[in-house]
N, C-alpha and C. Protein backbone atom coordinates (compact mmCIF):
# COMPACT_ATOMS: atom_id res chain seq x y z
N MET A 1 -21.80 69.13 2.67
CA MET A 1 -21.00 68.75 3.81
C MET A 1 -21.03 67.22 3.93
N PRO A 2 -19.84 66.60 4.09
CA PRO A 2 -19.81 65.13 4.20
C PRO A 2 -20.41 64.69 5.54
N ALA A 3 -20.99 63.51 5.49
CA ALA A 3 -21.59 62.95 6.71
C ALA A 3 -20.50 62.60 7.72
N LEU A 4 -20.82 62.82 8.97
CA LEU A 4 -19.88 62.47 10.03
C LEU A 4 -19.88 60.96 10.24
N LYS A 5 -18.69 60.44 10.39
CA LYS A 5 -18.57 59.02 10.66
C LYS A 5 -18.74 58.80 12.16
N THR A 6 -19.55 57.86 12.47
CA THR A 6 -19.72 57.55 13.89
C THR A 6 -18.88 56.31 14.21
N ARG A 7 -18.26 56.41 15.32
CA ARG A 7 -17.45 55.28 15.77
C ARG A 7 -18.32 54.30 16.53
N THR A 8 -18.18 53.08 16.17
CA THR A 8 -18.91 52.06 16.91
C THR A 8 -17.90 51.26 17.72
N ARG A 9 -18.29 51.01 18.91
CA ARG A 9 -17.44 50.19 19.78
C ARG A 9 -17.69 48.72 19.47
N PRO A 10 -16.62 47.97 19.50
CA PRO A 10 -16.86 46.53 19.32
C PRO A 10 -17.68 46.01 20.50
N LYS A 11 -18.59 45.13 20.18
CA LYS A 11 -19.42 44.56 21.25
C LYS A 11 -18.56 43.72 22.17
N ARG A 12 -18.82 43.90 23.45
CA ARG A 12 -18.12 43.07 24.44
C ARG A 12 -18.75 41.70 24.43
N LYS A 13 -17.90 40.71 24.50
CA LYS A 13 -18.41 39.36 24.59
C LYS A 13 -18.97 39.14 25.99
N ARG A 14 -20.04 38.43 26.03
CA ARG A 14 -20.70 38.14 27.29
C ARG A 14 -19.80 37.31 28.18
N ARG A 15 -19.72 37.68 29.45
CA ARG A 15 -19.00 36.87 30.45
C ARG A 15 -20.00 35.91 31.07
N TRP A 16 -19.75 34.64 30.91
CA TRP A 16 -20.61 33.62 31.48
C TRP A 16 -20.25 33.43 32.95
N THR A 17 -21.23 33.01 33.73
CA THR A 17 -21.04 32.80 35.16
C THR A 17 -21.33 31.33 35.50
N GLU A 18 -21.00 30.96 36.73
CA GLU A 18 -21.32 29.61 37.19
C GLU A 18 -22.82 29.37 37.12
N ALA A 19 -23.61 30.37 37.48
CA ALA A 19 -25.07 30.23 37.44
C ALA A 19 -25.54 29.97 36.01
N ASP A 20 -24.95 30.67 35.04
CA ASP A 20 -25.30 30.44 33.64
C ASP A 20 -25.00 29.00 33.24
N LEU A 21 -23.85 28.51 33.65
CA LEU A 21 -23.44 27.15 33.31
C LEU A 21 -24.43 26.13 33.89
N LEU A 22 -24.86 26.36 35.13
CA LEU A 22 -25.82 25.46 35.76
C LEU A 22 -27.18 25.47 35.08
N ARG A 23 -27.54 26.60 34.46
CA ARG A 23 -28.85 26.72 33.82
C ARG A 23 -28.88 26.20 32.38
N LEU A 24 -27.75 25.78 31.84
CA LEU A 24 -27.75 25.29 30.46
C LEU A 24 -28.64 24.05 30.34
N PRO A 25 -29.34 23.94 29.21
CA PRO A 25 -30.16 22.74 29.03
C PRO A 25 -29.27 21.52 28.82
N ASP A 26 -29.81 20.37 29.15
CA ASP A 26 -29.09 19.12 28.92
C ASP A 26 -29.27 18.78 27.44
N ASP A 27 -28.34 19.26 26.62
CA ASP A 27 -28.46 19.09 25.17
C ASP A 27 -27.49 18.04 24.62
N GLY A 28 -26.89 17.26 25.53
CA GLY A 28 -25.97 16.21 25.09
C GLY A 28 -24.56 16.71 24.86
N ARG A 29 -24.34 18.00 25.05
CA ARG A 29 -23.01 18.56 24.87
C ARG A 29 -22.36 18.77 26.23
N LYS A 30 -21.04 18.81 26.23
CA LYS A 30 -20.29 19.01 27.48
C LYS A 30 -19.63 20.38 27.41
N TYR A 31 -19.83 21.18 28.46
CA TYR A 31 -19.28 22.53 28.50
C TYR A 31 -18.42 22.72 29.74
N GLU A 32 -17.46 23.62 29.63
CA GLU A 32 -16.67 24.08 30.77
C GLU A 32 -16.70 25.60 30.76
N LEU A 33 -16.52 26.19 31.91
CA LEU A 33 -16.44 27.64 32.04
C LEU A 33 -14.97 28.01 32.17
N VAL A 34 -14.44 28.71 31.15
CA VAL A 34 -13.02 29.03 31.11
C VAL A 34 -12.85 30.53 30.88
N ASN A 35 -12.33 31.22 31.90
CA ASN A 35 -12.08 32.66 31.81
C ASN A 35 -13.32 33.43 31.35
N GLY A 36 -14.47 33.06 31.91
CA GLY A 36 -15.71 33.77 31.60
C GLY A 36 -16.33 33.39 30.27
N ARG A 37 -15.75 32.42 29.59
CA ARG A 37 -16.30 31.96 28.31
C ARG A 37 -16.84 30.54 28.46
N LEU A 38 -17.89 30.28 27.74
CA LEU A 38 -18.44 28.95 27.71
C LEU A 38 -17.71 28.18 26.61
N VAL A 39 -17.06 27.08 26.96
CA VAL A 39 -16.27 26.30 26.01
C VAL A 39 -16.88 24.92 25.88
N GLU A 40 -17.25 24.56 24.64
CA GLU A 40 -17.74 23.22 24.39
C GLU A 40 -16.55 22.27 24.30
N VAL A 41 -16.62 21.19 25.04
CA VAL A 41 -15.54 20.20 25.08
C VAL A 41 -15.90 19.08 24.11
N PRO A 42 -14.98 18.74 23.19
CA PRO A 42 -15.31 17.72 22.20
C PRO A 42 -15.55 16.35 22.81
N THR A 43 -16.62 15.72 22.38
CA THR A 43 -16.94 14.35 22.81
C THR A 43 -17.51 13.62 21.60
N GLY A 44 -17.79 12.39 21.77
CA GLY A 44 -18.38 11.58 20.72
C GLY A 44 -18.62 10.18 21.25
N GLY A 45 -19.07 9.30 20.38
CA GLY A 45 -19.39 7.95 20.80
C GLY A 45 -18.21 7.19 21.37
N ARG A 46 -17.09 7.19 20.65
CA ARG A 46 -15.91 6.47 21.13
C ARG A 46 -15.42 7.07 22.44
N HIS A 47 -15.41 8.39 22.49
CA HIS A 47 -14.99 9.13 23.68
C HIS A 47 -15.82 8.67 24.89
N GLY A 48 -17.13 8.67 24.72
CA GLY A 48 -18.03 8.28 25.80
C GLY A 48 -17.86 6.84 26.22
N ARG A 49 -17.64 5.94 25.24
CA ARG A 49 -17.46 4.54 25.55
C ARG A 49 -16.20 4.32 26.39
N ILE A 50 -15.11 5.00 26.01
CA ILE A 50 -13.85 4.86 26.76
C ILE A 50 -14.01 5.40 28.18
N ALA A 51 -14.64 6.57 28.31
CA ALA A 51 -14.85 7.16 29.64
C ALA A 51 -15.75 6.27 30.49
N ALA A 52 -16.83 5.75 29.89
CA ALA A 52 -17.73 4.87 30.64
C ALA A 52 -17.01 3.60 31.09
N GLY A 53 -16.13 3.08 30.23
CA GLY A 53 -15.33 1.91 30.60
C GLY A 53 -14.45 2.19 31.81
N MET A 54 -13.85 3.38 31.83
CA MET A 54 -13.01 3.75 32.98
C MET A 54 -13.85 3.86 34.25
N VAL A 55 -15.01 4.50 34.14
CA VAL A 55 -15.89 4.61 35.31
C VAL A 55 -16.25 3.22 35.81
N GLY A 56 -16.58 2.32 34.90
CA GLY A 56 -16.94 0.95 35.29
C GLY A 56 -15.80 0.23 35.99
N ARG A 57 -14.59 0.40 35.48
CA ARG A 57 -13.42 -0.25 36.10
C ARG A 57 -13.20 0.26 37.53
N PHE A 58 -13.30 1.59 37.70
CA PHE A 58 -13.12 2.16 39.04
C PHE A 58 -14.29 1.77 39.95
N TYR A 59 -15.49 1.81 39.41
CA TYR A 59 -16.67 1.51 40.22
C TYR A 59 -16.61 0.08 40.75
N ALA A 60 -16.14 -0.83 39.92
CA ALA A 60 -16.04 -2.24 40.34
C ALA A 60 -15.09 -2.39 41.52
N LEU A 61 -14.07 -1.55 41.59
CA LEU A 61 -13.12 -1.61 42.71
C LEU A 61 -13.65 -0.95 43.96
N HIS A 62 -14.58 -0.01 43.77
CA HIS A 62 -15.11 0.81 44.86
C HIS A 62 -13.97 1.20 45.81
N PRO A 63 -13.07 2.07 45.32
CA PRO A 63 -11.90 2.41 46.14
C PRO A 63 -12.30 2.98 47.50
N PRO A 64 -11.82 2.39 48.59
CA PRO A 64 -12.18 2.90 49.91
C PRO A 64 -11.63 4.32 50.12
N GLY A 65 -12.45 5.17 50.71
CA GLY A 65 -12.02 6.54 51.00
C GLY A 65 -11.96 7.44 49.79
N ALA A 66 -12.56 6.99 48.68
CA ALA A 66 -12.54 7.80 47.46
C ALA A 66 -13.94 7.88 46.86
N SER A 67 -14.20 8.98 46.20
CA SER A 67 -15.46 9.17 45.48
C SER A 67 -15.16 9.25 44.00
N LEU A 68 -16.02 8.64 43.21
CA LEU A 68 -15.87 8.56 41.76
C LEU A 68 -16.88 9.49 41.11
N PHE A 69 -16.44 10.25 40.09
CA PHE A 69 -17.32 11.18 39.40
C PHE A 69 -17.21 10.99 37.90
N ASP A 70 -18.33 11.23 37.19
CA ASP A 70 -18.30 11.16 35.73
C ASP A 70 -18.13 12.55 35.14
N SER A 71 -18.26 12.65 33.83
CA SER A 71 -17.96 13.91 33.14
C SER A 71 -18.99 15.02 33.35
N SER A 72 -20.10 14.69 34.00
CA SER A 72 -21.10 15.74 34.25
C SER A 72 -20.78 16.55 35.50
N THR A 73 -19.71 16.20 36.20
CA THR A 73 -19.35 16.88 37.44
C THR A 73 -18.41 18.05 37.16
N GLY A 74 -18.77 19.21 37.67
CA GLY A 74 -17.93 20.40 37.53
C GLY A 74 -17.08 20.61 38.76
N PHE A 75 -15.81 20.89 38.53
CA PHE A 75 -14.87 21.18 39.62
C PHE A 75 -14.41 22.62 39.51
N ARG A 76 -14.50 23.36 40.61
CA ARG A 76 -14.12 24.78 40.63
C ARG A 76 -12.62 24.87 40.87
N MET A 77 -11.92 25.37 39.85
CA MET A 77 -10.47 25.51 39.93
C MET A 77 -10.09 26.75 40.74
N ALA A 78 -8.84 26.81 41.17
CA ALA A 78 -8.35 27.92 41.99
C ALA A 78 -8.57 29.26 41.31
N GLN A 79 -8.48 29.31 39.98
CA GLN A 79 -8.66 30.57 39.25
C GLN A 79 -10.12 30.89 38.97
N GLY A 80 -11.03 30.00 39.37
CA GLY A 80 -12.46 30.23 39.18
C GLY A 80 -13.06 29.50 37.99
N ASN A 81 -12.24 28.90 37.13
CA ASN A 81 -12.79 28.14 36.01
C ASN A 81 -13.48 26.89 36.52
N ILE A 82 -14.45 26.41 35.75
CA ILE A 82 -15.14 25.17 36.07
C ILE A 82 -14.71 24.15 35.02
N ARG A 83 -14.04 23.11 35.48
CA ARG A 83 -13.56 22.05 34.59
C ARG A 83 -14.32 20.76 34.90
N SER A 84 -14.49 19.94 33.86
CA SER A 84 -15.22 18.68 34.00
C SER A 84 -14.44 17.55 33.35
N PRO A 85 -13.52 16.93 34.10
CA PRO A 85 -12.77 15.80 33.53
C PRO A 85 -13.74 14.69 33.12
N ASP A 86 -13.30 13.85 32.20
CA ASP A 86 -14.15 12.74 31.75
C ASP A 86 -14.41 11.74 32.87
N VAL A 87 -13.42 11.50 33.70
CA VAL A 87 -13.54 10.62 34.87
C VAL A 87 -12.70 11.25 35.97
N SER A 88 -13.20 11.21 37.20
CA SER A 88 -12.48 11.82 38.33
C SER A 88 -12.58 10.94 39.56
N VAL A 89 -11.50 10.95 40.33
CA VAL A 89 -11.48 10.28 41.62
C VAL A 89 -10.99 11.32 42.64
N MET A 90 -11.74 11.45 43.73
CA MET A 90 -11.38 12.42 44.76
C MET A 90 -11.47 11.75 46.13
N ARG A 91 -10.44 11.99 46.94
CA ARG A 91 -10.48 11.46 48.30
C ARG A 91 -11.70 12.05 49.01
N THR A 92 -12.47 11.19 49.63
CA THR A 92 -13.69 11.60 50.30
C THR A 92 -13.42 12.63 51.39
N GLU A 93 -12.27 12.55 52.04
CA GLU A 93 -11.93 13.50 53.10
C GLU A 93 -11.83 14.94 52.58
N ARG A 94 -11.65 15.12 51.28
CA ARG A 94 -11.57 16.47 50.71
C ARG A 94 -12.94 17.07 50.41
N LEU A 95 -13.98 16.26 50.50
CA LEU A 95 -15.34 16.73 50.22
C LEU A 95 -15.96 17.28 51.50
N PRO A 96 -16.83 18.29 51.41
CA PRO A 96 -17.47 18.84 52.60
C PRO A 96 -18.27 17.75 53.35
N GLU A 97 -17.91 17.54 54.59
CA GLU A 97 -18.53 16.50 55.42
C GLU A 97 -18.44 15.12 54.78
N GLY A 98 -17.46 14.93 53.91
CA GLY A 98 -17.25 13.65 53.27
C GLY A 98 -18.27 13.28 52.20
N LYS A 99 -19.05 14.29 51.75
CA LYS A 99 -20.12 14.03 50.77
C LYS A 99 -19.99 14.97 49.59
N ALA A 100 -20.41 14.49 48.43
CA ALA A 100 -20.39 15.32 47.23
C ALA A 100 -21.40 16.46 47.38
N PRO A 101 -21.00 17.69 47.08
CA PRO A 101 -21.94 18.81 47.18
C PRO A 101 -22.98 18.75 46.05
N VAL A 102 -24.07 19.45 46.24
CA VAL A 102 -25.11 19.52 45.22
C VAL A 102 -24.58 20.26 43.99
N GLY A 103 -23.82 21.32 44.20
CA GLY A 103 -23.28 22.12 43.10
C GLY A 103 -21.89 21.66 42.71
N PHE A 104 -21.10 22.62 42.28
CA PHE A 104 -19.74 22.31 41.85
C PHE A 104 -18.87 21.91 43.04
N VAL A 105 -17.86 21.10 42.77
CA VAL A 105 -16.92 20.66 43.79
C VAL A 105 -15.77 21.66 43.84
N ASP A 106 -15.42 22.11 45.04
CA ASP A 106 -14.28 23.03 45.18
C ASP A 106 -12.97 22.27 45.04
N GLY A 107 -12.11 22.76 44.17
CA GLY A 107 -10.81 22.15 43.94
C GLY A 107 -10.86 21.08 42.87
N ALA A 108 -9.69 20.67 42.45
CA ALA A 108 -9.57 19.62 41.44
C ALA A 108 -9.69 18.26 42.10
N PRO A 109 -10.11 17.25 41.34
CA PRO A 109 -10.09 15.90 41.90
C PRO A 109 -8.63 15.47 42.10
N ASP A 110 -8.42 14.47 42.93
CA ASP A 110 -7.06 13.95 43.13
C ASP A 110 -6.54 13.33 41.84
N LEU A 111 -7.44 12.67 41.10
CA LEU A 111 -7.10 12.08 39.81
C LEU A 111 -8.11 12.56 38.79
N ALA A 112 -7.62 13.24 37.75
CA ALA A 112 -8.46 13.68 36.64
C ALA A 112 -8.04 12.89 35.41
N ILE A 113 -9.03 12.31 34.72
CA ILE A 113 -8.75 11.53 33.52
C ILE A 113 -9.46 12.19 32.35
N GLU A 114 -8.71 12.44 31.30
CA GLU A 114 -9.25 13.05 30.08
C GLU A 114 -9.03 12.11 28.90
N VAL A 115 -10.10 11.83 28.17
CA VAL A 115 -10.00 11.10 26.91
C VAL A 115 -9.77 12.16 25.84
N VAL A 116 -8.66 12.09 25.15
CA VAL A 116 -8.26 13.13 24.21
C VAL A 116 -8.88 12.87 22.84
N SER A 117 -9.63 13.85 22.35
CA SER A 117 -10.22 13.78 21.02
C SER A 117 -9.19 14.22 19.98
N PRO A 118 -9.30 13.70 18.76
CA PRO A 118 -8.30 14.02 17.73
C PRO A 118 -8.14 15.52 17.45
N ASP A 119 -9.19 16.30 17.64
CA ASP A 119 -9.10 17.72 17.31
C ASP A 119 -8.74 18.61 18.50
N GLU A 120 -8.44 18.01 19.65
CA GLU A 120 -8.03 18.81 20.80
C GLU A 120 -6.58 19.25 20.64
N ARG A 121 -6.32 20.50 21.01
CA ARG A 121 -4.95 21.04 20.92
C ARG A 121 -4.19 20.74 22.20
N MET A 122 -2.93 20.35 22.03
CA MET A 122 -2.10 20.02 23.18
C MET A 122 -1.94 21.24 24.10
N SER A 123 -1.88 22.44 23.52
CA SER A 123 -1.73 23.64 24.36
C SER A 123 -2.92 23.79 25.29
N ASP A 124 -4.14 23.48 24.81
CA ASP A 124 -5.33 23.55 25.67
C ASP A 124 -5.27 22.49 26.78
N LEU A 125 -4.79 21.30 26.41
CA LEU A 125 -4.68 20.23 27.41
C LEU A 125 -3.65 20.58 28.49
N LEU A 126 -2.53 21.18 28.08
CA LEU A 126 -1.51 21.57 29.06
C LEU A 126 -2.04 22.65 29.99
N THR A 127 -2.80 23.59 29.46
CA THR A 127 -3.41 24.64 30.29
C THR A 127 -4.37 24.01 31.31
N LYS A 128 -5.17 23.08 30.83
CA LYS A 128 -6.13 22.41 31.71
C LYS A 128 -5.39 21.62 32.80
N MET A 129 -4.34 20.90 32.42
CA MET A 129 -3.58 20.13 33.41
C MET A 129 -2.94 21.04 34.45
N ALA A 130 -2.41 22.18 34.02
CA ALA A 130 -1.82 23.13 34.96
C ALA A 130 -2.87 23.59 35.97
N GLU A 131 -4.09 23.84 35.51
CA GLU A 131 -5.17 24.24 36.42
C GLU A 131 -5.49 23.11 37.41
N TYR A 132 -5.54 21.88 36.91
CA TYR A 132 -5.81 20.76 37.81
C TYR A 132 -4.76 20.69 38.92
N PHE A 133 -3.49 20.76 38.54
CA PHE A 133 -2.44 20.65 39.55
C PHE A 133 -2.44 21.85 40.49
N GLU A 134 -2.65 23.03 39.97
CA GLU A 134 -2.71 24.24 40.81
C GLU A 134 -3.87 24.17 41.80
N SER A 135 -4.89 23.40 41.44
CA SER A 135 -6.11 23.31 42.26
C SER A 135 -6.18 22.05 43.12
N GLY A 136 -5.07 21.29 43.20
CA GLY A 136 -5.01 20.18 44.14
C GLY A 136 -4.92 18.78 43.57
N ALA A 137 -4.91 18.62 42.26
CA ALA A 137 -4.79 17.28 41.68
C ALA A 137 -3.44 16.67 42.01
N GLN A 138 -3.44 15.37 42.19
CA GLN A 138 -2.19 14.62 42.40
C GLN A 138 -1.72 13.98 41.10
N GLU A 139 -2.69 13.60 40.25
CA GLU A 139 -2.36 12.99 38.96
C GLU A 139 -3.39 13.40 37.91
N VAL A 140 -2.92 13.44 36.66
CA VAL A 140 -3.80 13.62 35.51
C VAL A 140 -3.40 12.56 34.48
N TRP A 141 -4.39 11.82 34.01
CA TRP A 141 -4.14 10.83 32.97
C TRP A 141 -4.77 11.33 31.68
N LEU A 142 -3.99 11.36 30.62
CA LEU A 142 -4.51 11.66 29.29
C LEU A 142 -4.54 10.36 28.51
N LEU A 143 -5.70 10.00 28.00
CA LEU A 143 -5.86 8.78 27.22
C LEU A 143 -5.96 9.16 25.74
N PHE A 144 -5.09 8.61 24.93
CA PHE A 144 -5.03 8.92 23.49
C PHE A 144 -5.49 7.70 22.69
N PRO A 145 -6.77 7.62 22.32
CA PRO A 145 -7.28 6.47 21.58
C PRO A 145 -6.58 6.25 20.23
N GLU A 146 -6.27 7.33 19.53
CA GLU A 146 -5.64 7.20 18.20
C GLU A 146 -4.30 6.50 18.29
N ARG A 147 -3.55 6.76 19.34
CA ARG A 147 -2.21 6.19 19.52
C ARG A 147 -2.19 4.96 20.42
N LYS A 148 -3.33 4.70 21.08
CA LYS A 148 -3.42 3.64 22.10
C LYS A 148 -2.34 3.85 23.15
N GLN A 149 -2.35 5.07 23.70
CA GLN A 149 -1.40 5.44 24.73
C GLN A 149 -2.13 6.09 25.91
N ALA A 150 -1.48 6.00 27.07
CA ALA A 150 -1.92 6.72 28.26
C ALA A 150 -0.71 7.50 28.77
N HIS A 151 -0.90 8.78 29.01
CA HIS A 151 0.16 9.61 29.59
C HIS A 151 -0.25 9.91 31.02
N ARG A 152 0.60 9.52 31.96
CA ARG A 152 0.32 9.68 33.38
C ARG A 152 1.20 10.81 33.92
N TYR A 153 0.57 11.94 34.23
CA TYR A 153 1.28 13.11 34.77
C TYR A 153 1.07 13.13 36.27
N ARG A 154 2.13 13.49 36.99
CA ARG A 154 2.05 13.60 38.45
C ARG A 154 2.33 15.03 38.87
N ALA A 155 1.91 15.35 40.09
CA ALA A 155 2.07 16.72 40.61
C ALA A 155 3.54 17.12 40.70
N ASP A 156 4.45 16.15 40.80
CA ASP A 156 5.88 16.48 40.86
C ASP A 156 6.46 16.76 39.47
N LEU A 157 5.57 16.86 38.47
CA LEU A 157 5.91 17.17 37.07
C LEU A 157 6.54 16.01 36.32
N SER A 158 6.52 14.82 36.90
CA SER A 158 7.00 13.66 36.16
C SER A 158 5.88 13.16 35.24
N VAL A 159 6.28 12.51 34.17
CA VAL A 159 5.31 11.95 33.24
C VAL A 159 5.76 10.56 32.84
N GLU A 160 4.79 9.69 32.70
CA GLU A 160 5.03 8.32 32.28
C GLU A 160 4.17 8.08 31.04
N VAL A 161 4.81 7.72 29.93
CA VAL A 161 4.08 7.44 28.70
C VAL A 161 3.95 5.93 28.58
N LEU A 162 2.71 5.46 28.56
CA LEU A 162 2.43 4.02 28.51
C LEU A 162 1.83 3.67 27.15
N HIS A 163 2.31 2.58 26.59
CA HIS A 163 1.87 2.13 25.27
C HIS A 163 0.89 0.96 25.41
N GLU A 164 0.40 0.49 24.30
CA GLU A 164 -0.67 -0.50 24.24
C GLU A 164 -0.48 -1.71 25.16
N ASN A 165 0.70 -2.25 25.26
CA ASN A 165 0.92 -3.45 26.07
C ASN A 165 1.42 -3.17 27.48
N ASP A 166 1.57 -1.90 27.84
CA ASP A 166 1.98 -1.52 29.19
C ASP A 166 0.79 -1.58 30.14
N ILE A 167 1.08 -1.68 31.43
CA ILE A 167 0.03 -1.71 32.45
C ILE A 167 -0.05 -0.34 33.13
N LEU A 168 -1.25 0.21 33.15
CA LEU A 168 -1.52 1.47 33.85
C LEU A 168 -1.97 1.11 35.26
N HIS A 169 -1.19 1.55 36.25
CA HIS A 169 -1.49 1.27 37.66
C HIS A 169 -2.06 2.52 38.32
N GLY A 170 -2.97 2.32 39.26
CA GLY A 170 -3.59 3.44 39.95
C GLY A 170 -2.95 3.84 41.26
N ALA A 171 -1.95 3.06 41.72
CA ALA A 171 -1.31 3.38 43.00
C ALA A 171 -0.56 4.70 42.86
N PRO A 172 -0.53 5.51 43.87
CA PRO A 172 -1.02 5.28 45.23
C PRO A 172 -2.48 5.66 45.44
N LEU A 173 -3.10 6.39 44.52
CA LEU A 173 -4.47 6.87 44.76
C LEU A 173 -5.49 5.74 44.76
N VAL A 174 -5.40 4.84 43.80
CA VAL A 174 -6.31 3.71 43.70
C VAL A 174 -5.45 2.45 43.56
N PRO A 175 -4.94 1.93 44.69
CA PRO A 175 -3.93 0.88 44.65
C PRO A 175 -4.33 -0.39 43.92
N ASP A 176 -5.61 -0.74 43.91
CA ASP A 176 -6.04 -1.99 43.28
C ASP A 176 -6.30 -1.85 41.78
N PHE A 177 -6.16 -0.66 41.24
CA PHE A 177 -6.45 -0.45 39.81
C PHE A 177 -5.22 -0.80 38.98
N ALA A 178 -5.42 -1.66 37.99
CA ALA A 178 -4.38 -1.99 37.01
C ALA A 178 -5.08 -2.47 35.75
N VAL A 179 -4.66 -1.93 34.60
CA VAL A 179 -5.26 -2.33 33.34
C VAL A 179 -4.22 -2.20 32.22
N ARG A 180 -4.24 -3.14 31.29
CA ARG A 180 -3.42 -3.05 30.10
C ARG A 180 -3.95 -1.89 29.27
N VAL A 181 -3.09 -1.00 28.85
CA VAL A 181 -3.51 0.23 28.16
C VAL A 181 -4.36 -0.10 26.93
N GLY A 182 -3.95 -1.07 26.14
CA GLY A 182 -4.73 -1.42 24.94
C GLY A 182 -6.16 -1.82 25.25
N ASP A 183 -6.38 -2.41 26.43
CA ASP A 183 -7.74 -2.83 26.82
C ASP A 183 -8.68 -1.64 27.01
N LEU A 184 -8.13 -0.47 27.29
CA LEU A 184 -8.96 0.73 27.47
C LEU A 184 -9.64 1.15 26.17
N PHE A 185 -9.05 0.77 25.03
CA PHE A 185 -9.50 1.26 23.74
C PHE A 185 -10.18 0.20 22.86
N GLU A 186 -10.29 -1.03 23.38
CA GLU A 186 -10.90 -2.10 22.58
C GLU A 186 -12.39 -1.85 22.38
N GLU A 187 -12.84 -2.22 21.21
CA GLU A 187 -14.27 -2.08 20.85
C GLU A 187 -15.08 -3.15 21.51
């Protein structure tokens, strides 16, 4: 008599939670929680230098009525995903009691800035931007080091593509911010 074949069920992938994300060790990697999956976000030396430069430029202005966050800050999107833009600016009035919470921030920042790595897919970036806008963002800036470009997306679905010699302005969110796009990428 032939042996009976047993059916095996495919293993279900583990659904990660916000608590799991908070318990991850600080291993130098950047993660986001997307649809119950832990997603490593590409970073590197150049990426970090550009993001740190942006933080420094905003910090020097100390925009009144706004809070500045780096890439270690998680924002809880309307759909429940946790996203961590490379640089974020949020109106202080949107924070509980005007202060940053100990845990994740509810909603998207008013301005989310992403430094785009060469291996990131545009479809993933568009999905992320849609989540930011659905969750309260007013603007999303994508910085493309390879092209020396900045793409400025607004909640009204307009986009402005800025090249190396163009000036990126922060108004209306950060009125005093202005920088030549090429300066963002200089070594």
